[in-house]
Amino acid sequence: MTIREILQERGGGPARLAKRSAEWARRGKLPKPIAEKSIYAWFGNGIPEKNWAFVLKECGVTLQVLHAANEAVRKEEARAKGRQNGRTTARAA
């Protein structure tokens, strides 16, 4: 399962999740609401660990699924940065 699948399909999308985060913040479960723009950034950057409890509950995924999806995004981001800097991830034999 990807971050996109977790947020879009399981969580109802960034707009719904931002609205739900405001409710969590009003109840004291989050220090402040999560901006919709920030949630969109998670597609490319991964979900910050400080927001995992919220995502786990709202999207109904397991910790293992969320961790695997986050790792996949972060590994791809690292590979992309390596290519930008002229490095490759392949090793010479």
PDB file of N, CA and C in Angstrom:
ATOM      1  N   MET A   1       0.854  -1.170   0.000  1.00  0.00           N
ATOM      2  CA  MET A   1       0.000   0.000   0.000  1.00  0.00           C
ATOM      3  C   MET A   1       0.903   1.236   0.000  1.00  0.00           C
ATOM      4  N   THR A   2       0.569   2.206  -0.822  1.00  0.00           N
ATOM      5  CA  THR A   2       1.370   3.428  -0.926  1.00  0.00           C
ATOM      6  C   THR A   2       0.811   4.537  -0.037  1.00  0.00           C
ATOM      7  N   ILE A   3       1.602   5.578   0.143  1.00  0.00           N
ATOM      8  CA  ILE A   3       1.122   6.751   0.889  1.00  0.00           C
ATOM      9  C   ILE A   3      -0.135   7.304   0.221  1.00  0.00           C
ATOM     10  N   ARG A   4      -0.119   7.379  -1.091  1.00  0.00           N
ATOM     11  CA  ARG A   4      -1.282   7.896  -1.833  1.00  0.00           C
ATOM     12  C   ARG A   4      -2.526   7.049  -1.546  1.00  0.00           C
ATOM     13  N   GLU A   5      -2.381   5.743  -1.572  1.00  0.00           N
ATOM     14  CA  GLU A   5      -3.519   4.861  -1.293  1.00  0.00           C
ATOM     15  C   GLU A   5      -4.010   5.040   0.140  1.00  0.00           C
ATOM     16  N   ILE A   6      -3.081   5.160   1.066  1.00  0.00           N
ATOM     17  CA  ILE A   6      -3.464   5.347   2.464  1.00  0.00           C
ATOM     18  C   ILE A   6      -4.254   6.637   2.631  1.00  0.00           C
ATOM     19  N   LEU A   7      -3.724   7.734   2.097  1.00  0.00           N
ATOM     20  CA  LEU A   7      -4.361   9.038   2.305  1.00  0.00           C
ATOM     21  C   LEU A   7      -5.627   9.224   1.477  1.00  0.00           C
ATOM     22  N   GLN A   8      -5.582   8.818   0.221  1.00  0.00           N
ATOM     23  CA  GLN A   8      -6.740   9.028  -0.668  1.00  0.00           C
ATOM     24  C   GLN A   8      -7.846   8.014  -0.420  1.00  0.00           C
ATOM     25  N   GLU A   9      -7.491   6.745  -0.517  1.00  0.00           N
ATOM     26  CA  GLU A   9      -8.510   5.698  -0.461  1.00  0.00           C
ATOM     27  C   GLU A   9      -8.973   5.401   0.964  1.00  0.00           C
ATOM     28  N   ARG A  10      -8.035   5.315   1.876  1.00  0.00           N
ATOM     29  CA  ARG A  10      -8.396   4.953   3.251  1.00  0.00           C
ATOM     30  C   ARG A  10      -8.777   6.168   4.084  1.00  0.00           C
ATOM     31  N   GLY A  11      -8.140   7.328   3.791  1.00  0.00           N
ATOM     32  CA  GLY A  11      -8.390   8.513   4.610  1.00  0.00           C
ATOM     33  C   GLY A  11      -9.362   9.515   4.019  1.00  0.00           C
ATOM     34  N   GLY A  12      -9.771   9.316   2.772  1.00  0.00           N
ATOM     35  CA  GLY A  12     -10.725  10.239   2.158  1.00  0.00           C
ATOM     36  C   GLY A  12     -10.098  11.443   1.499  1.00  0.00           C
ATOM     37  N   GLY A  13      -8.773  11.513   1.459  1.00  0.00           N
ATOM     38  CA  GLY A  13      -8.076  12.611   0.793  1.00  0.00           C
ATOM     39  C   GLY A  13      -7.617  13.695   1.745  1.00  0.00           C
ATOM     40  N   PRO A  14      -6.720  14.553   1.263  1.00  0.00           N
ATOM     41  CA  PRO A  14      -6.151  15.604   2.116  1.00  0.00           C
ATOM     42  C   PRO A  14      -7.178  16.575   2.698  1.00  0.00           C
ATOM     43  N   ALA A  15      -8.201  16.948   1.941  1.00  0.00           N
ATOM     44  CA  ALA A  15      -9.192  17.898   2.465  1.00  0.00           C
ATOM     45  C   ALA A  15      -9.924  17.303   3.670  1.00  0.00           C
ATOM     46  N   ARG A  16     -10.367  16.056   3.540  1.00  0.00           N
ATOM     47  CA  ARG A  16     -11.066  15.405   4.655  1.00  0.00           C
ATOM     48  C   ARG A  16     -10.141  15.232   5.848  1.00  0.00           C
ATOM     49  N   LEU A  17      -8.912  14.807   5.595  1.00  0.00           N
ATOM     50  CA  LEU A  17      -7.977  14.601   6.701  1.00  0.00           C
ATOM     51  C   LEU A  17      -7.647  15.910   7.412  1.00  0.00           C
ATOM     52  N   ALA A  18      -7.508  16.990   6.668  1.00  0.00           N
ATOM     53  CA  ALA A  18      -7.247  18.295   7.290  1.00  0.00           C
ATOM     54  C   ALA A  18      -8.415  18.699   8.181  1.00  0.00           C
ATOM     55  N   LYS A  19      -9.621  18.467   7.695  1.00  0.00           N
ATOM     56  CA  LYS A  19     -10.823  18.792   8.481  1.00  0.00           C
ATOM     57  C   LYS A  19     -10.875  17.938   9.748  1.00  0.00           C
ATOM     58  N   ARG A  20     -10.578  16.658   9.618  1.00  0.00           N
ATOM     59  CA  ARG A  20     -10.573  15.765  10.786  1.00  0.00           C
ATOM     60  C   ARG A  20      -9.473  16.159  11.774  1.00  0.00           C
ATOM     61  N   SER A  21      -8.330  16.634  11.258  1.00  0.00           N
ATOM     62  CA  SER A  21      -7.249  17.033  12.163  1.00  0.00           C
ATOM     63  C   SER A  21      -7.657  18.245  12.996  1.00  0.00           C
ATOM     64  N   ALA A  22      -8.472  19.119  12.418  1.00  0.00           N
ATOM     65  CA  ALA A  22      -8.975  20.267  13.177  1.00  0.00           C
ATOM     66  C   ALA A  22      -9.858  19.786  14.333  1.00  0.00           C
ATOM     67  N   GLU A  23     -10.650  18.748  14.082  1.00  0.00           N
ATOM     68  CA  GLU A  23     -11.471  18.178  15.151  1.00  0.00           C
ATOM     69  C   GLU A  23     -10.596  17.555  16.234  1.00  0.00           C
ATOM     70  N   TRP A  24      -9.555  16.858  15.821  1.00  0.00           N
ATOM     71  CA  TRP A  24      -8.617  16.276  16.788  1.00  0.00           C
ATOM     72  C   TRP A  24      -7.975  17.374  17.632  1.00  0.00           C
ATOM     73  N   ALA A  25      -7.581  18.461  16.980  1.00  0.00           N
ATOM     74  CA  ALA A  25      -6.934  19.568  17.703  1.00  0.00           C
ATOM     75  C   ALA A  25      -7.902  20.199  18.705  1.00  0.00           C
ATOM     76  N   ARG A  26      -9.155  20.366  18.307  1.00  0.00           N
ATOM     77  CA  ARG A  26     -10.157  20.929  19.229  1.00  0.00           C
ATOM     78  C   ARG A  26     -10.334  20.048  20.464  1.00  0.00           C
ATOM     79  N   ARG A  27     -10.180  18.740  20.298  1.00  0.00           N
ATOM     80  CA  ARG A  27     -10.326  17.805  21.413  1.00  0.00           C
ATOM     81  C   ARG A  27      -9.025  17.605  22.189  1.00  0.00           C
ATOM     82  N   GLY A  28      -7.951  18.270  21.743  1.00  0.00           N
ATOM     83  CA  GLY A  28      -6.666  18.167  22.429  1.00  0.00           C
ATOM     84  C   GLY A  28      -5.849  16.944  22.054  1.00  0.00           C
ATOM     85  N   LYS A  29      -6.248  16.241  20.999  1.00  0.00           N
ATOM     86  CA  LYS A  29      -5.509  15.052  20.567  1.00  0.00           C
ATOM     87  C   LYS A  29      -4.338  15.390  19.656  1.00  0.00           C
ATOM     88  N   LEU A  30      -4.346  16.584  19.079  1.00  0.00           N
ATOM     89  CA  LEU A  30      -3.234  17.112  18.284  1.00  0.00           C
ATOM     90  C   LEU A  30      -2.941  18.508  18.800  1.00  0.00           C
ATOM     91  N   PRO A  31      -1.669  18.937  18.768  1.00  0.00           N
ATOM     92  CA  PRO A  31      -1.354  20.292  19.241  1.00  0.00           C
ATOM     93  C   PRO A  31      -1.975  21.380  18.364  1.00  0.00           C
ATOM     94  N   LYS A  32      -2.097  21.102  17.062  1.00  0.00           N
ATOM     95  CA  LYS A  32      -2.723  22.049  16.142  1.00  0.00           C
ATOM     96  C   LYS A  32      -3.203  21.282  14.918  1.00  0.00           C
ATOM     97  N   PRO A  33      -4.158  21.853  14.181  1.00  0.00           N
ATOM     98  CA  PRO A  33      -4.638  21.176  12.970  1.00  0.00           C
ATOM     99  C   PRO A  33      -3.520  21.039  11.941  1.00  0.00           C
ATOM    100  N   ILE A  34      -3.657  20.038  11.089  1.00  0.00           N
ATOM    101  CA  ILE A  34      -2.693  19.817  10.012  1.00  0.00           C
ATOM    102  C   ILE A  34      -3.249  20.463   8.751  1.00  0.00           C
ATOM    103  N   ALA A  35      -2.470  21.341   8.139  1.00  0.00           N
ATOM    104  CA  ALA A  35      -2.918  22.048   6.934  1.00  0.00           C
ATOM    105  C   ALA A  35      -3.053  21.069   5.762  1.00  0.00           C
ATOM    106  N   GLU A  36      -4.054  21.288   4.938  1.00  0.00           N
ATOM    107  CA  GLU A  36      -4.259  20.445   3.760  1.00  0.00           C
ATOM    108  C   GLU A  36      -3.012  20.430   2.881  1.00  0.00           C
ATOM    109  N   LYS A  37      -2.369  21.583   2.741  1.00  0.00           N
ATOM    110  CA  LYS A  37      -1.142  21.685   1.940  1.00  0.00           C
ATOM    111  C   LYS A  37      -0.048  20.768   2.501  1.00  0.00           C
ATOM    112  N   SER A  38       0.040  20.682   3.817  1.00  0.00           N
ATOM    113  CA  SER A  38       1.023  19.806   4.444  1.00  0.00           C
ATOM    114  C   SER A  38       0.726  18.342   4.144  1.00  0.00           C
ATOM    115  N   ILE A  39      -0.544  17.988   4.164  1.00  0.00           N
ATOM    116  CA  ILE A  39      -0.922  16.602   3.882  1.00  0.00           C
ATOM    117  C   ILE A  39      -0.591  16.251   2.439  1.00  0.00           C
ATOM    118  N   TYR A  40      -0.806  17.171   1.504  1.00  0.00           N
ATOM    119  CA  TYR A  40      -0.409  16.923   0.120  1.00  0.00           C
ATOM    120  C   TYR A  40       1.097  16.680   0.011  1.00  0.00           C
ATOM    121  N   ALA A  41       1.883  17.369   0.823  1.00  0.00           N
ATOM    122  CA  ALA A  41       3.334  17.198   0.788  1.00  0.00           C
ATOM    123  C   ALA A  41       3.745  15.789   1.216  1.00  0.00           C
ATOM    124  N   TRP A  42       2.906  15.138   2.002  1.00  0.00           N
ATOM    125  CA  TRP A  42       3.227  13.787   2.455  1.00  0.00           C
ATOM    126  C   TRP A  42       3.340  12.802   1.296  1.00  0.00           C
ATOM    127  N   PHE A  43       2.647  13.065   0.188  1.00  0.00           N
ATOM    128  CA  PHE A  43       2.730  12.163  -0.967  1.00  0.00           C
ATOM    129  C   PHE A  43       4.184  12.020  -1.435  1.00  0.00           C
ATOM    130  N   GLY A  44       4.944  13.088  -1.383  1.00  0.00           N
ATOM    131  CA  GLY A  44       6.326  13.061  -1.856  1.00  0.00           C
ATOM    132  C   GLY A  44       7.369  12.932  -0.771  1.00  0.00           C
ATOM    133  N   ASN A  45       7.013  13.321   0.458  1.00  0.00           N
ATOM    134  CA  ASN A  45       7.995  13.349   1.544  1.00  0.00           C
ATOM    135  C   ASN A  45       7.805  12.266   2.587  1.00  0.00           C
ATOM    136  N   GLY A  46       6.682  11.612   2.570  1.00  0.00           N
ATOM    137  CA  GLY A  46       6.342  10.670   3.631  1.00  0.00           C
ATOM    138  C   GLY A  46       5.605  11.390   4.750  1.00  0.00           C
ATOM    139  N   ILE A  47       5.012  10.621   5.614  1.00  0.00           N
ATOM    140  CA  ILE A  47       4.217  11.171   6.717  1.00  0.00           C
ATOM    141  C   ILE A  47       5.126  11.328   7.935  1.00  0.00           C
ATOM    142  N   PRO A  48       5.203  12.537   8.492  1.00  0.00           N
ATOM    143  CA  PRO A  48       6.042  12.744   9.685  1.00  0.00           C
ATOM    144  C   PRO A  48       5.569  11.851  10.838  1.00  0.00           C
ATOM    145  N   GLU A  49       6.510  11.307  11.558  1.00  0.00           N
ATOM    146  CA  GLU A  49       6.188  10.398  12.655  1.00  0.00           C
ATOM    147  C   GLU A  49       5.267  11.045  13.683  1.00  0.00           C
ATOM    148  N   LYS A  50       5.377  12.347  13.875  1.00  0.00           N
ATOM    149  CA  LYS A  50       4.522  13.018  14.864  1.00  0.00           C
ATOM    150  C   LYS A  50       3.044  12.929  14.494  1.00  0.00           C
ATOM    151  N   ASN A  51       2.730  12.622  13.238  1.00  0.00           N
ATOM    152  CA  ASN A  51       1.343  12.525  12.792  1.00  0.00           C
ATOM    153  C   ASN A  51       0.870  11.089  12.590  1.00  0.00           C
ATOM    154  N   TRP A  52       1.700  10.124  12.936  1.00  0.00           N
ATOM    155  CA  TRP A  52       1.341   8.729  12.688  1.00  0.00           C
ATOM    156  C   TRP A  52       0.101   8.285  13.453  1.00  0.00           C
ATOM    157  N   ALA A  53      -0.026   8.662  14.717  1.00  0.00           N
ATOM    158  CA  ALA A  53      -1.199   8.237  15.502  1.00  0.00           C
ATOM    159  C   ALA A  53      -2.485   8.700  14.823  1.00  0.00           C
ATOM    160  N   PHE A  54      -2.478   9.934  14.351  1.00  0.00           N
ATOM    161  CA  PHE A  54      -3.639  10.479  13.639  1.00  0.00           C
ATOM    162  C   PHE A  54      -3.930   9.675  12.384  1.00  0.00           C
ATOM    163  N   VAL A  55      -2.911   9.423  11.572  1.00  0.00           N
ATOM    164  CA  VAL A  55      -3.089   8.697  10.307  1.00  0.00           C
ATOM    165  C   VAL A  55      -3.516   7.254  10.567  1.00  0.00           C
ATOM    166  N   LEU A  56      -2.903   6.612  11.541  1.00  0.00           N
ATOM    167  CA  LEU A  56      -3.277   5.233  11.860  1.00  0.00           C
ATOM    168  C   LEU A  56      -4.757   5.133  12.201  1.00  0.00           C
ATOM    169  N   LYS A  57      -5.235   6.030  13.020  1.00  0.00           N
ATOM    170  CA  LYS A  57      -6.638   6.000  13.457  1.00  0.00           C
ATOM    171  C   LYS A  57      -7.582   6.408  12.324  1.00  0.00           C
ATOM    172  N   GLU A  58      -7.285   7.485  11.650  1.00  0.00           N
ATOM    173  CA  GLU A  58      -8.189   8.007  10.618  1.00  0.00           C
ATOM    174  C   GLU A  58      -8.209   7.168   9.344  1.00  0.00           C
ATOM    175  N   CYS A  59      -7.103   6.522   9.034  1.00  0.00           N
ATOM    176  CA  CYS A  59      -7.019   5.756   7.786  1.00  0.00           C
ATOM    177  C   CYS A  59      -7.178   4.259   8.014  1.00  0.00           C
ATOM    178  N   GLY A  60      -7.131   3.833   9.256  1.00  0.00           N
ATOM    179  CA  GLY A  60      -7.356   2.433   9.565  1.00  0.00           C
ATOM    180  C   GLY A  60      -6.313   1.479   9.007  1.00  0.00           C
ATOM    181  N   VAL A  61      -5.058   1.909   9.032  1.00  0.00           N
ATOM    182  CA  VAL A  61      -3.975   1.033   8.584  1.00  0.00           C
ATOM    183  C   VAL A  61      -3.148   0.620   9.797  1.00  0.00           C
ATOM    184  N   THR A  62      -2.349  -0.406   9.617  1.00  0.00           N
ATOM    185  CA  THR A  62      -1.483  -0.861  10.706  1.00  0.00           C
ATOM    186  C   THR A  62      -0.181  -0.066  10.703  1.00  0.00           C
ATOM    187  N   LEU A  63       0.507  -0.145  11.800  1.00  0.00           N
ATOM    188  CA  LEU A  63       1.803   0.508  11.920  1.00  0.00           C
ATOM    189  C   LEU A  63       2.769  -0.034  10.874  1.00  0.00           C
ATOM    190  N   GLN A  64       2.720  -1.339  10.624  1.00  0.00           N
ATOM    191  CA  GLN A  64       3.618  -1.954   9.651  1.00  0.00           C
ATOM    192  C   GLN A  64       3.346  -1.431   8.243  1.00  0.00           C
ATOM    193  N   VAL A  65       2.088  -1.269   7.877  1.00  0.00           N
ATOM    194  CA  VAL A  65       1.723  -0.758   6.551  1.00  0.00           C
ATOM    195  C   VAL A  65       2.194   0.687   6.406  1.00  0.00           C
ATOM    196  N   LEU A  66       1.949   1.493   7.426  1.00  0.00           N
ATOM    197  CA  LEU A  66       2.354   2.898   7.374  1.00  0.00           C
ATOM    198  C   LEU A  66       3.880   3.023   7.295  1.00  0.00           C
ATOM    199  N   HIS A  67       4.578   2.248   8.089  1.00  0.00           N
ATOM    200  CA  HIS A  67       6.038   2.293   8.068  1.00  0.00           C
ATOM    201  C   HIS A  67       6.588   1.898   6.701  1.00  0.00           C
ATOM    202  N   ALA A  68       6.058   0.815   6.132  1.00  0.00           N
ATOM    203  CA  ALA A  68       6.531   0.355   4.816  1.00  0.00           C
ATOM    204  C   ALA A  68       6.275   1.400   3.737  1.00  0.00           C
ATOM    205  N   ALA A  69       5.119   2.031   3.766  1.00  0.00           N
ATOM    206  CA  ALA A  69       4.795   3.065   2.772  1.00  0.00           C
ATOM    207  C   ALA A  69       5.722   4.264   2.935  1.00  0.00           C
ATOM    208  N   ASN A  70       5.982   4.657   4.170  1.00  0.00           N
ATOM    209  CA  ASN A  70       6.882   5.783   4.426  1.00  0.00           C
ATOM    210  C   ASN A  70       8.297   5.471   3.953  1.00  0.00           C
ATOM    211  N   GLU A  71       8.771   4.274   4.258  1.00  0.00           N
ATOM    212  CA  GLU A  71      10.109   3.875   3.833  1.00  0.00           C
ATOM    213  C   GLU A  71      10.235   3.903   2.311  1.00  0.00           C
ATOM    214  N   ALA A  72       9.221   3.437   1.609  1.00  0.00           N
ATOM    215  CA  ALA A  72       9.249   3.427   0.144  1.00  0.00           C
ATOM    216  C   ALA A  72       9.371   4.844  -0.412  1.00  0.00           C
ATOM    217  N   VAL A  73       8.612   5.780   0.147  1.00  0.00           N
ATOM    218  CA  VAL A  73       8.664   7.174  -0.313  1.00  0.00           C
ATOM    219  C   VAL A  73      10.032   7.777  -0.017  1.00  0.00           C
ATOM    220  N   ARG A  74      10.538   7.536   1.156  1.00  0.00           N
ATOM    221  CA  ARG A  74      11.818   8.133   1.539  1.00  0.00           C
ATOM    222  C   ARG A  74      12.986   7.542   0.759  1.00  0.00           C
ATOM    223  N   LYS A  75      12.925   6.256   0.450  1.00  0.00           N
ATOM    224  CA  LYS A  75      13.978   5.647  -0.365  1.00  0.00           C
ATOM    225  C   LYS A  75      13.955   6.218  -1.776  1.00  0.00           C
ATOM    226  N   GLU A  76      12.762   6.401  -2.334  1.00  0.00           N
ATOM    227  CA  GLU A  76      12.656   6.982  -3.677  1.00  0.00           C
ATOM    228  C   GLU A  76      13.161   8.424  -3.676  1.00  0.00           C
ATOM    229  N   GLU A  77      12.839   9.166  -2.635  1.00  0.00           N
ATOM    230  CA  GLU A  77      13.310  10.546  -2.509  1.00  0.00           C
ATOM    231  C   GLU A  77      14.836  10.583  -2.441  1.00  0.00           C
ATOM    232  N   ALA A  78      15.431   9.663  -1.698  1.00  0.00           N
ATOM    233  CA  ALA A  78      16.897   9.603  -1.588  1.00  0.00           C
ATOM    234  C   ALA A  78      17.522   9.255  -2.938  1.00  0.00           C
ATOM    235  N   ARG A  79      16.916   8.321  -3.675  1.00  0.00           N
ATOM    236  CA  ARG A  79      17.430   7.968  -5.003  1.00  0.00           C
ATOM    237  C   ARG A  79      17.348   9.171  -5.941  1.00  0.00           C
ATOM    238  N   ALA A  80      16.239   9.904  -5.875  1.00  0.00           N
ATOM    239  CA  ALA A  80      16.071  11.076  -6.740  1.00  0.00           C
ATOM    240  C   ALA A  80      17.118  12.144  -6.407  1.00  0.00           C
ATOM    241  N   LYS A  81      17.392  12.350  -5.129  1.00  0.00           N
ATOM    242  CA  LYS A  81      18.417  13.328  -4.738  1.00  0.00           C
ATOM    243  C   LYS A  81      19.787  12.893  -5.222  1.00  0.00           C
ATOM    244  N   GLY A  82      20.058  11.594  -5.153  1.00  0.00           N
ATOM    245  CA  GLY A  82      21.330  11.071  -5.644  1.00  0.00           C
ATOM    246  C   GLY A  82      21.497  11.320  -7.131  1.00  0.00           C
ATOM    247  N   ARG A  83      20.423  11.131  -7.895  1.00  0.00           N
ATOM    248  CA  ARG A  83      20.486  11.386  -9.340  1.00  0.00           C
ATOM    249  C   ARG A  83      20.687  12.869  -9.620  1.00  0.00           C
ATOM    250  N   GLN A  84      20.068  13.730  -8.829  1.00  0.00           N
ATOM    251  CA  GLN A  84      20.231  15.177  -9.010  1.00  0.00           C
ATOM    252  C   GLN A  84      21.674  15.596  -8.773  1.00  0.00           C
ATOM    253  N   ASN A  85      22.328  14.922  -7.843  1.00  0.00           N
ATOM    254  CA  ASN A  85      23.709  15.266  -7.502  1.00  0.00           C
ATOM    255  C   ASN A  85      24.725  14.526  -8.361  1.00  0.00           C
ATOM    256  N   GLY A  86      24.254  13.831  -9.383  1.00  0.00           N
ATOM    257  CA  GLY A  86      25.146  13.139 -10.279  1.00  0.00           C
ATOM    258  C   GLY A  86      25.610  11.781  -9.793  1.00  0.00           C
ATOM    259  N   ARG A  87      25.013  11.307  -8.727  1.00  0.00           N
ATOM    260  CA  ARG A  87      25.354   9.999  -8.190  1.00  0.00           C
ATOM    261  C   ARG A  87      24.342   8.978  -8.644  1.00  0.00           C
ATOM    262  N   THR A  88      24.750   7.748  -8.659  1.00  0.00           N
ATOM    263  CA  THR A  88      23.814   6.663  -8.937  1.00  0.00           C
ATOM    264  C   THR A  88      23.794   5.744  -7.752  1.00  0.00           C
ATOM    265  N   THR A  89      22.730   4.975  -7.642  1.00  0.00           N
ATOM    266  CA  THR A  89      22.620   4.054  -6.513  1.00  0.00           C
ATOM    267  C   THR A  89      23.213   2.697  -6.854  1.00  0.00           C
ATOM    268  N   ALA A  90      23.512   2.442  -8.120  1.00  0.00           N
ATOM    269  CA  ALA A  90      24.097   1.156  -8.516  1.00  0.00           C
ATOM    270  C   ALA A  90      25.578   1.137  -8.161  1.00  0.00           C
ATOM    271  N   ARG A  91      26.051  -0.007  -7.751  1.00  0.00           N
ATOM    272  CA  ARG A  91      27.470  -0.156  -7.416  1.00  0.00           C
ATOM    273  C   ARG A  91      28.199  -0.824  -8.562  1.00  0.00           C
ATOM    274  N   ALA A  92      29.415  -0.412  -8.740  1.00  0.00           N
ATOM    275  CA  ALA A  92      30.245  -1.039  -9.778  1.00  0.00           C
ATOM    276  C   ALA A  92      30.646  -2.432  -9.332  1.00  0.00           C
ATOM    277  N   ALA A  93      30.689  -3.350 -10.250  1.00  0.00           N
ATOM    278  CA  ALA A  93      31.040  -4.740  -9.893  1.00  0.00           C
ATOM    279  C   ALA A  93      32.534  -4.911  -9.815  1.00  0.00           C
TER     280      ALA A  93
END
